[in-house]
Amino acid sequence: MNKLQIEGEILFEDKIRYTPSGLVVQSFKIGHKSFQQEANLKKDVSIELEAIFIDKHMRKEIQIGKQFLFIGFLDKKSFKSTKLVFHISEIKKLGVI
């Protein structure tokens, strides 16, 4: 199974593009900070993820500084790349799960 969900803040948004079939493509960067348990130790986690959202409609909610629960999957950036990109399939306001 390839499913990822993470709470985070939008740090950067790229210009909106459109696929040849008219789908909206929005690339952005998500920042996440939290404390996690690992080997009975508290670990300070701070990461940035490259993300992409492809849909029929524009997501006006995607704005720098906004925080959400992002749900989706990981895939390679391109056929020849090994770099991972978080493909967002669902965006939820925090506290509304």
PDB file of N, CA and C in Angstrom:
ATOM      1  N   MET A   1       0.849  -1.178   0.000  1.00  0.00           N
ATOM      2  CA  MET A   1       0.000   0.000   0.000  1.00  0.00           C
ATOM      3  C   MET A   1       0.894   1.241   0.000  1.00  0.00           C
ATOM      4  N   ASN A   2       0.529   2.230  -0.759  1.00  0.00           N
ATOM      5  CA  ASN A   2       1.264   3.481  -0.855  1.00  0.00           C
ATOM      6  C   ASN A   2       0.290   4.597  -0.510  1.00  0.00           C
ATOM      7  N   LYS A   3       0.208   4.918   0.787  1.00  0.00           N
ATOM      8  CA  LYS A   3      -0.677   5.983   1.240  1.00  0.00           C
ATOM      9  C   LYS A   3       0.065   6.801   2.287  1.00  0.00           C
ATOM     10  N   LEU A   4       0.006   8.112   2.136  1.00  0.00           N
ATOM     11  CA  LEU A   4       0.682   9.009   3.062  1.00  0.00           C
ATOM     12  C   LEU A   4      -0.296  10.083   3.480  1.00  0.00           C
ATOM     13  N   GLN A   5      -0.306  10.386   4.775  1.00  0.00           N
ATOM     14  CA  GLN A   5      -1.060  11.544   5.236  1.00  0.00           C
ATOM     15  C   GLN A   5      -0.187  12.283   6.228  1.00  0.00           C
ATOM     16  N   ILE A   6      -0.176  13.596   6.081  1.00  0.00           N
ATOM     17  CA  ILE A   6       0.692  14.412   6.904  1.00  0.00           C
ATOM     18  C   ILE A   6       0.055  15.788   7.100  1.00  0.00           C
ATOM     19  N   GLU A   7       0.177  16.298   8.317  1.00  0.00           N
ATOM     20  CA  GLU A   7      -0.258  17.661   8.590  1.00  0.00           C
ATOM     21  C   GLU A   7       0.897  18.582   8.257  1.00  0.00           C
ATOM     22  N   GLY A   8       0.595  19.687   7.610  1.00  0.00           N
ATOM     23  CA  GLY A   8       1.669  20.591   7.262  1.00  0.00           C
ATOM     24  C   GLY A   8       1.176  21.936   6.784  1.00  0.00           C
ATOM     25  N   GLU A   9       2.152  22.796   6.559  1.00  0.00           N
ATOM     26  CA  GLU A   9       1.911  24.158   6.125  1.00  0.00           C
ATOM     27  C   GLU A   9       2.452  24.331   4.706  1.00  0.00           C
ATOM     28  N   ILE A  10       1.736  25.062   3.884  1.00  0.00           N
ATOM     29  CA  ILE A  10       2.199  25.341   2.529  1.00  0.00           C
ATOM     30  C   ILE A  10       3.285  26.409   2.599  1.00  0.00           C
ATOM     31  N   LEU A  11       4.491  26.040   2.151  1.00  0.00           N
ATOM     32  CA  LEU A  11       5.637  26.940   2.209  1.00  0.00           C
ATOM     33  C   LEU A  11       5.864  27.686   0.902  1.00  0.00           C
ATOM     34  N   PHE A  12       5.479  27.072  -0.213  1.00  0.00           N
ATOM     35  CA  PHE A  12       5.735  27.626  -1.542  1.00  0.00           C
ATOM     36  C   PHE A  12       4.685  27.092  -2.485  1.00  0.00           C
ATOM     37  N   GLU A  13       4.186  27.918  -3.380  1.00  0.00           N
ATOM     38  CA  GLU A  13       3.267  27.445  -4.418  1.00  0.00           C
ATOM     39  C   GLU A  13       3.765  27.914  -5.773  1.00  0.00           C
ATOM     40  N   ASP A  14       3.738  27.016  -6.722  1.00  0.00           N
ATOM     41  CA  ASP A  14       4.171  27.313  -8.082  1.00  0.00           C
ATOM     42  C   ASP A  14       2.973  27.826  -8.874  1.00  0.00           C
ATOM     43  N   LYS A  15       3.226  28.319 -10.065  1.00  0.00           N
ATOM     44  CA  LYS A  15       2.139  28.779 -10.936  1.00  0.00           C
ATOM     45  C   LYS A  15       1.251  27.605 -11.328  1.00  0.00           C
ATOM     46  N   ILE A  16      -0.026  27.876 -11.453  1.00  0.00           N
ATOM     47  CA  ILE A  16      -0.984  26.851 -11.875  1.00  0.00           C
ATOM     48  C   ILE A  16      -0.768  26.542 -13.349  1.00  0.00           C
ATOM     49  N   ARG A  17      -0.755  25.248 -13.669  1.00  0.00           N
ATOM     50  CA  ARG A  17      -0.637  24.798 -15.057  1.00  0.00           C
ATOM     51  C   ARG A  17      -1.878  23.969 -15.394  1.00  0.00           C
ATOM     52  N   TYR A  18      -2.003  23.632 -16.653  1.00  0.00           N
ATOM     53  CA  TYR A  18      -3.134  22.808 -17.099  1.00  0.00           C
ATOM     54  C   TYR A  18      -2.612  21.677 -17.971  1.00  0.00           C
ATOM     55  N   THR A  19      -3.177  20.489 -17.790  1.00  0.00           N
ATOM     56  CA  THR A  19      -2.827  19.360 -18.649  1.00  0.00           C
ATOM     57  C   THR A  19      -3.519  19.560 -19.991  1.00  0.00           C
ATOM     58  N   PRO A  20      -3.101  18.820 -21.036  1.00  0.00           N
ATOM     59  CA  PRO A  20      -3.786  18.927 -22.333  1.00  0.00           C
ATOM     60  C   PRO A  20      -5.284  18.617 -22.239  1.00  0.00           C
ATOM     61  N   SER A  21      -5.677  17.810 -21.245  1.00  0.00           N
ATOM     62  CA  SER A  21      -7.102  17.488 -21.092  1.00  0.00           C
ATOM     63  C   SER A  21      -7.837  18.493 -20.206  1.00  0.00           C
ATOM     64  N   GLY A  22      -7.128  19.549 -19.752  1.00  0.00           N
ATOM     65  CA  GLY A  22      -7.786  20.611 -19.002  1.00  0.00           C
ATOM     66  C   GLY A  22      -7.751  20.488 -17.489  1.00  0.00           C
ATOM     67  N   LEU A  23      -7.056  19.478 -16.967  1.00  0.00           N
ATOM     68  CA  LEU A  23      -6.962  19.346 -15.508  1.00  0.00           C
ATOM     69  C   LEU A  23      -6.015  20.401 -14.944  1.00  0.00           C
ATOM     70  N   VAL A  24      -6.338  20.884 -13.761  1.00  0.00           N
ATOM     71  CA  VAL A  24      -5.510  21.874 -13.073  1.00  0.00           C
ATOM     72  C   VAL A  24      -4.350  21.149 -12.382  1.00  0.00           C
ATOM     73  N   VAL A  25      -3.132  21.680 -12.555  1.00  0.00           N
ATOM     74  CA  VAL A  25      -1.939  21.116 -11.922  1.00  0.00           C
ATOM     75  C   VAL A  25      -1.325  22.196 -11.046  1.00  0.00           C
ATOM     76  N   GLN A  26      -1.248  21.935  -9.741  1.00  0.00           N
ATOM     77  CA  GLN A  26      -0.666  22.886  -8.797  1.00  0.00           C
ATOM     78  C   GLN A  26       0.467  22.199  -8.041  1.00  0.00           C
ATOM     79  N   SER A  27       1.679  22.704  -8.215  1.00  0.00           N
ATOM     80  CA  SER A  27       2.836  22.198  -7.480  1.00  0.00           C
ATOM     81  C   SER A  27       3.094  23.125  -6.301  1.00  0.00           C
ATOM     82  N   PHE A  28       3.482  22.542  -5.176  1.00  0.00           N
ATOM     83  CA  PHE A  28       3.788  23.344  -4.007  1.00  0.00           C
ATOM     84  C   PHE A  28       4.700  22.570  -3.066  1.00  0.00           C
ATOM     85  N   LYS A  29       5.128  23.214  -2.006  1.00  0.00           N
ATOM     86  CA  LYS A  29       5.998  22.583  -1.020  1.00  0.00           C
ATOM     87  C   LYS A  29       5.300  22.631   0.331  1.00  0.00           C
ATOM     88  N   ILE A  30       5.334  21.489   1.045  1.00  0.00           N
ATOM     89  CA  ILE A  30       4.712  21.360   2.360  1.00  0.00           C
ATOM     90  C   ILE A  30       5.811  21.286   3.412  1.00  0.00           C
ATOM     91  N   GLY A  31       5.654  22.042   4.488  1.00  0.00           N
ATOM     92  CA  GLY A  31       6.556  21.955   5.628  1.00  0.00           C
ATOM     93  C   GLY A  31       5.841  21.279   6.783  1.00  0.00           C
ATOM     94  N   HIS A  32       6.532  20.392   7.476  1.00  0.00           N
ATOM     95  CA  HIS A  32       5.952  19.666   8.621  1.00  0.00           C
ATOM     96  C   HIS A  32       6.936  19.698   9.776  1.00  0.00           C
ATOM     97  N   LYS A  33       6.430  19.996  10.975  1.00  0.00           N
ATOM     98  CA  LYS A  33       7.235  19.953  12.195  1.00  0.00           C
ATOM     99  C   LYS A  33       6.445  19.229  13.268  1.00  0.00           C
ATOM    100  N   SER A  34       7.109  18.294  13.952  1.00  0.00           N
ATOM    101  CA  SER A  34       6.452  17.576  15.038  1.00  0.00           C
ATOM    102  C   SER A  34       7.498  16.869  15.892  1.00  0.00           C
ATOM    103  N   PHE A  35       7.033  16.289  16.978  1.00  0.00           N
ATOM    104  CA  PHE A  35       7.865  15.417  17.798  1.00  0.00           C
ATOM    105  C   PHE A  35       7.330  14.008  17.624  1.00  0.00           C
ATOM    106  N   GLN A  36       8.211  13.050  17.373  1.00  0.00           N
ATOM    107  CA  GLN A  36       7.840  11.656  17.170  1.00  0.00           C
ATOM    108  C   GLN A  36       8.612  10.772  18.147  1.00  0.00           C
ATOM    109  N   GLN A  37       8.057   9.606  18.443  1.00  0.00           N
ATOM    110  CA  GLN A  37       8.729   8.629  19.298  1.00  0.00           C
ATOM    111  C   GLN A  37       9.514   7.648  18.430  1.00  0.00           C
ATOM    112  N   GLU A  38      10.770   7.434  18.783  1.00  0.00           N
ATOM    113  CA  GLU A  38      11.599   6.454  18.092  1.00  0.00           C
ATOM    114  C   GLU A  38      12.549   5.851  19.111  1.00  0.00           C
ATOM    115  N   ALA A  39      12.497   4.527  19.270  1.00  0.00           N
ATOM    116  CA  ALA A  39      13.347   3.807  20.225  1.00  0.00           C
ATOM    117  C   ALA A  39      13.231   4.424  21.619  1.00  0.00           C
ATOM    118  N   ASN A  40      11.997   4.705  22.028  1.00  0.00           N
ATOM    119  CA  ASN A  40      11.700   5.301  23.334  1.00  0.00           C
ATOM    120  C   ASN A  40      12.352   6.665  23.540  1.00  0.00           C
ATOM    121  N   LEU A  41      12.663   7.349  22.471  1.00  0.00           N
ATOM    122  CA  LEU A  41      13.230   8.689  22.533  1.00  0.00           C
ATOM    123  C   LEU A  41      12.318   9.646  21.768  1.00  0.00           C
ATOM    124  N   LYS A  42      12.288  10.890  22.227  1.00  0.00           N
ATOM    125  CA  LYS A  42      11.510  11.915  21.542  1.00  0.00           C
ATOM    126  C   LYS A  42      12.381  12.517  20.444  1.00  0.00           C
ATOM    127  N   LYS A  43      11.896  12.468  19.214  1.00  0.00           N
ATOM    128  CA  LYS A  43      12.656  12.954  18.064  1.00  0.00           C
ATOM    129  C   LYS A  43      11.973  14.186  17.487  1.00  0.00           C
ATOM    130  N   ASP A  44      12.745  15.248  17.299  1.00  0.00           N
ATOM    131  CA  ASP A  44      12.255  16.484  16.698  1.00  0.00           C
ATOM    132  C   ASP A  44      12.329  16.334  15.177  1.00  0.00           C
ATOM    133  N   VAL A  45      11.169  16.353  14.520  1.00  0.00           N
ATOM    134  CA  VAL A  45      11.089  16.144  13.072  1.00  0.00           C
ATOM    135  C   VAL A  45      10.739  17.462  12.388  1.00  0.00           C
ATOM    136  N   SER A  46      11.511  17.808  11.374  1.00  0.00           N
ATOM    137  CA  SER A  46      11.260  19.002  10.585  1.00  0.00           C
ATOM    138  C   SER A  46      11.607  18.678   9.132  1.00  0.00           C
ATOM    139  N   ILE A  47      10.578  18.583   8.277  1.00  0.00           N
ATOM    140  CA  ILE A  47      10.816  18.181   6.886  1.00  0.00           C
ATOM    141  C   ILE A  47      10.080  19.102   5.922  1.00  0.00           C
ATOM    142  N   GLU A  48      10.511  19.055   4.668  1.00  0.00           N
ATOM    143  CA  GLU A  48       9.825  19.726   3.573  1.00  0.00           C
ATOM    144  C   GLU A  48       9.584  18.691   2.485  1.00  0.00           C
ATOM    145  N   LEU A  49       8.372  18.683   1.945  1.00  0.00           N
ATOM    146  CA  LEU A  49       7.996  17.741   0.886  1.00  0.00           C
ATOM    147  C   LEU A  49       7.568  18.484  -0.361  1.00  0.00           C
ATOM    148  N   GLU A  50       8.048  18.016  -1.504  1.00  0.00           N
ATOM    149  CA  GLU A  50       7.539  18.523  -2.778  1.00  0.00           C
ATOM    150  C   GLU A  50       6.210  17.832  -3.023  1.00  0.00           C
ATOM    151  N   ALA A  51       5.191  18.612  -3.388  1.00  0.00           N
ATOM    152  CA  ALA A  51       3.861  18.035  -3.576  1.00  0.00           C
ATOM    153  C   ALA A  51       3.241  18.560  -4.864  1.00  0.00           C
ATOM    154  N   ILE A  52       2.252  17.788  -5.348  1.00  0.00           N
ATOM    155  CA  ILE A  52       1.524  18.178  -6.550  1.00  0.00           C
ATOM    156  C   ILE A  52       0.061  17.788  -6.359  1.00  0.00           C
ATOM    157  N   PHE A  53      -0.822  18.639  -6.848  1.00  0.00           N
ATOM    158  CA  PHE A  53      -2.255  18.397  -6.775  1.00  0.00           C
ATOM    159  C   PHE A  53      -2.813  18.535  -8.187  1.00  0.00           C
ATOM    160  N   ILE A  54      -3.479  17.498  -8.658  1.00  0.00           N
ATOM    161  CA  ILE A  54      -4.059  17.503 -10.006  1.00  0.00           C
ATOM    162  C   ILE A  54      -5.554  17.240  -9.861  1.00  0.00           C
ATOM    163  N   ASP A  55      -6.381  18.140 -10.393  1.00  0.00           N
ATOM    164  CA  ASP A  55      -7.828  18.001 -10.238  1.00  0.00           C
ATOM    165  C   ASP A  55      -8.534  18.751 -11.375  1.00  0.00           C
ATOM    166  N   LYS A  56      -9.853  18.650 -11.380  1.00  0.00           N
ATOM    167  CA  LYS A  56     -10.654  19.349 -12.381  1.00  0.00           C
ATOM    168  C   LYS A  56     -10.850  20.817 -12.021  1.00  0.00           C
ATOM    169  N   HIS A  57     -10.771  21.117 -10.739  1.00  0.00           N
ATOM    170  CA  HIS A  57     -11.068  22.460 -10.258  1.00  0.00           C
ATOM    171  C   HIS A  57      -9.849  23.060  -9.562  1.00  0.00           C
ATOM    172  N   MET A  58      -9.778  24.367  -9.555  1.00  0.00           N
ATOM    173  CA  MET A  58      -8.716  25.056  -8.822  1.00  0.00           C
ATOM    174  C   MET A  58      -8.975  24.921  -7.331  1.00  0.00           C
ATOM    175  N   ARG A  59      -7.914  24.808  -6.567  1.00  0.00           N
ATOM    176  CA  ARG A  59      -8.041  24.781  -5.113  1.00  0.00           C
ATOM    177  C   ARG A  59      -7.601  26.131  -4.576  1.00  0.00           C
ATOM    178  N   LYS A  60      -8.533  26.999  -4.309  1.00  0.00           N
ATOM    179  CA  LYS A  60      -8.193  28.329  -3.805  1.00  0.00           C
ATOM    180  C   LYS A  60      -7.605  28.257  -2.401  1.00  0.00           C
ATOM    181  N   GLU A  61      -7.818  27.125  -1.720  1.00  0.00           N
ATOM    182  CA  GLU A  61      -7.282  26.958  -0.371  1.00  0.00           C
ATOM    183  C   GLU A  61      -5.758  26.854  -0.376  1.00  0.00           C
ATOM    184  N   ILE A  62      -5.176  26.456  -1.505  1.00  0.00           N
ATOM    185  CA  ILE A  62      -3.729  26.275  -1.575  1.00  0.00           C
ATOM    186  C   ILE A  62      -3.076  27.648  -1.627  1.00  0.00           C
ATOM    187  N   GLN A  63      -2.656  28.101  -0.457  1.00  0.00           N
ATOM    188  CA  GLN A  63      -2.013  29.406  -0.321  1.00  0.00           C
ATOM    189  C   GLN A  63      -0.896  29.294   0.703  1.00  0.00           C
ATOM    190  N   ILE A  64       0.160  30.022   0.488  1.00  0.00           N
ATOM    191  CA  ILE A  64       1.297  30.010   1.400  1.00  0.00           C
ATOM    192  C   ILE A  64       0.827  30.359   2.815  1.00  0.00           C
ATOM    193  N   GLY A  65       1.306  29.577   3.775  1.00  0.00           N
ATOM    194  CA  GLY A  65       0.986  29.810   5.180  1.00  0.00           C
ATOM    195  C   GLY A  65      -0.199  29.020   5.703  1.00  0.00           C
ATOM    196  N   LYS A  66      -1.031  28.490   4.819  1.00  0.00           N
ATOM    197  CA  LYS A  66      -2.200  27.722   5.259  1.00  0.00           C
ATOM    198  C   LYS A  66      -1.771  26.312   5.690  1.00  0.00           C
ATOM    199  N   GLN A  67      -2.467  25.774   6.702  1.00  0.00           N
ATOM    200  CA  GLN A  67      -2.156  24.441   7.215  1.00  0.00           C
ATOM    201  C   GLN A  67      -3.328  23.501   6.959  1.00  0.00           C
ATOM    202  N   PHE A  68      -2.982  22.269   6.563  1.00  0.00           N
ATOM    203  CA  PHE A  68      -3.984  21.264   6.230  1.00  0.00           C
ATOM    204  C   PHE A  68      -3.489  19.871   6.608  1.00  0.00           C
ATOM    205  N   LEU A  69      -4.407  18.915   6.492  1.00  0.00           N
ATOM    206  CA  LEU A  69      -4.056  17.501   6.483  1.00  0.00           C
ATOM    207  C   LEU A  69      -4.042  17.112   5.014  1.00  0.00           C
ATOM    208  N   PHE A  70      -2.888  16.680   4.540  1.00  0.00           N
ATOM    209  CA  PHE A  70      -2.734  16.280   3.139  1.00  0.00           C
ATOM    210  C   PHE A  70      -2.733  14.755   3.077  1.00  0.00           C
ATOM    211  N   ILE A  71      -3.507  14.213   2.145  1.00  0.00           N
ATOM    212  CA  ILE A  71      -3.608  12.762   1.978  1.00  0.00           C
ATOM    213  C   ILE A  71      -3.294  12.439   0.527  1.00  0.00           C
ATOM    214  N   GLY A  72      -2.481  11.405   0.314  1.00  0.00           N
ATOM    215  CA  GLY A  72      -2.138  11.028  -1.046  1.00  0.00           C
ATOM    216  C   GLY A  72      -1.145   9.885  -1.084  1.00  0.00           C
ATOM    217  N   PHE A  73      -0.267   9.905  -2.080  1.00  0.00           N
ATOM    218  CA  PHE A  73       0.691   8.825  -2.284  1.00  0.00           C
ATOM    219  C   PHE A  73       2.000   9.393  -2.813  1.00  0.00           C
ATOM    220  N   LEU A  74       3.056   8.604  -2.724  1.00  0.00           N
ATOM    221  CA  LEU A  74       4.366   8.996  -3.236  1.00  0.00           C
ATOM    222  C   LEU A  74       4.609   8.357  -4.600  1.00  0.00           C
ATOM    223  N   ASP A  75       5.249   9.114  -5.483  1.00  0.00           N
ATOM    224  CA  ASP A  75       5.634   8.591  -6.788  1.00  0.00           C
ATOM    225  C   ASP A  75       6.898   9.322  -7.234  1.00  0.00           C
ATOM    226  N   LYS A  76       7.582   8.761  -8.221  1.00  0.00           N
ATOM    227  CA  LYS A  76       8.761   9.421  -8.772  1.00  0.00           C
ATOM    228  C   LYS A  76       8.342  10.701  -9.483  1.00  0.00           C
ATOM    229  N   LYS A  77       9.243  11.680  -9.478  1.00  0.00           N
ATOM    230  CA  LYS A  77       8.959  12.962 -10.125  1.00  0.00           C
ATOM    231  C   LYS A  77       8.747  12.786 -11.628  1.00  0.00           C
ATOM    232  N   SER A  78       9.518  11.889 -12.237  1.00  0.00           N
ATOM    233  CA  SER A  78       9.365  11.590 -13.661  1.00  0.00           C
ATOM    234  C   SER A  78       9.825  10.156 -13.898  1.00  0.00           C
ATOM    235  N   PHE A  79       9.647   9.703 -15.119  1.00  0.00           N
ATOM    236  CA  PHE A  79       9.988   8.325 -15.470  1.00  0.00           C
ATOM    237  C   PHE A  79      11.434   7.980 -15.139  1.00  0.00           C
ATOM    238  N   LYS A  80      12.363   8.892 -15.413  1.00  0.00           N
ATOM    239  CA  LYS A  80      13.785   8.616 -15.211  1.00  0.00           C
ATOM    240  C   LYS A  80      14.321   9.081 -13.860  1.00  0.00           C
ATOM    241  N   SER A  81      13.523   9.801 -13.100  1.00  0.00           N
ATOM    242  CA  SER A  81      13.968  10.360 -11.826  1.00  0.00           C
ATOM    243  C   SER A  81      13.782   9.364 -10.675  1.00  0.00           C
ATOM    244  N   THR A  82      14.603   9.509  -9.657  1.00  0.00           N
ATOM    245  CA  THR A  82      14.405   8.731  -8.426  1.00  0.00           C
ATOM    246  C   THR A  82      13.892   9.634  -7.306  1.00  0.00           C
ATOM    247  N   LYS A  83      13.773  10.926  -7.582  1.00  0.00           N
ATOM    248  CA  LYS A  83      13.273  11.880  -6.594  1.00  0.00           C
ATOM    249  C   LYS A  83      11.771  11.660  -6.394  1.00  0.00           C
ATOM    250  N   LEU A  84      11.333  11.669  -5.119  1.00  0.00           N
ATOM    251  CA  LEU A  84       9.928  11.422  -4.809  1.00  0.00           C
ATOM    252  C   LEU A  84       9.135  12.715  -4.721  1.00  0.00           C
ATOM    253  N   VAL A  85       7.867  12.629  -5.142  1.00  0.00           N
ATOM    254  CA  VAL A  85       6.920  13.741  -5.040  1.00  0.00           C
ATOM    255  C   VAL A  85       5.655  13.195  -4.384  1.00  0.00           C
ATOM    256  N   PHE A  86       5.099  13.981  -3.476  1.00  0.00           N
ATOM    257  CA  PHE A  86       3.861  13.634  -2.778  1.00  0.00           C
ATOM    258  C   PHE A  86       2.692  14.080  -3.658  1.00  0.00           C
ATOM    259  N   HIS A  87       1.941  13.118  -4.196  1.00  0.00           N
ATOM    260  CA  HIS A  87       0.768  13.402  -5.024  1.00  0.00           C
ATOM    261  C   HIS A  87      -0.447  13.490  -4.103  1.00  0.00           C
ATOM    262  N   ILE A  88      -1.018  14.677  -4.012  1.00  0.00           N
ATOM    263  CA  ILE A  88      -2.131  14.922  -3.106  1.00  0.00           C
ATOM    264  C   ILE A  88      -3.439  14.512  -3.777  1.00  0.00           C
ATOM    265  N   SER A  89      -4.195  13.663  -3.093  1.00  0.00           N
ATOM    266  CA  SER A  89      -5.500  13.278  -3.618  1.00  0.00           C
ATOM    267  C   SER A  89      -6.631  13.909  -2.802  1.00  0.00           C
ATOM    268  N   GLU A  90      -6.302  14.356  -1.587  1.00  0.00           N
ATOM    269  CA  GLU A  90      -7.320  14.943  -0.712  1.00  0.00           C
ATOM    270  C   GLU A  90      -6.667  15.980   0.208  1.00  0.00           C
ATOM    271  N   ILE A  91      -7.354  17.093   0.407  1.00  0.00           N
ATOM    272  CA  ILE A  91      -6.889  18.144   1.307  1.00  0.00           C
ATOM    273  C   ILE A  91      -8.008  18.421   2.288  1.00  0.00           C
ATOM    274  N   LYS A  92      -7.687  18.331   3.597  1.00  0.00           N
ATOM    275  CA  LYS A  92      -8.690  18.581   4.631  1.00  0.00           C
ATOM    276  C   LYS A  92      -8.215  19.667   5.563  1.00  0.00           C
ATOM    277  N   LYS A  93      -9.145  20.507   5.977  1.00  0.00           N
ATOM    278  CA  LYS A  93      -8.822  21.511   6.997  1.00  0.00           C
ATOM    279  C   LYS A  93      -8.528  20.760   8.291  1.00  0.00           C
ATOM    280  N   LEU A  94      -7.563  21.233   9.035  1.00  0.00           N
ATOM    281  CA  LEU A  94      -7.208  20.580  10.291  1.00  0.00           C
ATOM    282  C   LEU A  94      -8.399  20.635  11.257  1.00  0.00           C
ATOM    283  N   GLY A  95      -8.597  19.529  11.972  1.00  0.00           N
ATOM    284  CA  GLY A  95      -9.707  19.435  12.908  1.00  0.00           C
ATOM    285  C   GLY A  95     -10.972  18.911  12.268  1.00  0.00           C
ATOM    286  N   VAL A  96     -10.986  18.749  10.934  1.00  0.00           N
ATOM    287  CA  VAL A  96     -12.172  18.240  10.219  1.00  0.00           C
ATOM    288  C   VAL A  96     -11.748  16.972   9.485  1.00  0.00           C
ATOM    289  N   ILE A  97     -11.762  15.846  10.205  1.00  0.00           N
ATOM    290  CA  ILE A  97     -11.310  14.578   9.608  1.00  0.00           C
ATOM    291  C   ILE A  97     -12.472  13.640   9.399  1.00  0.00           C
TER     292      ILE A  97
END
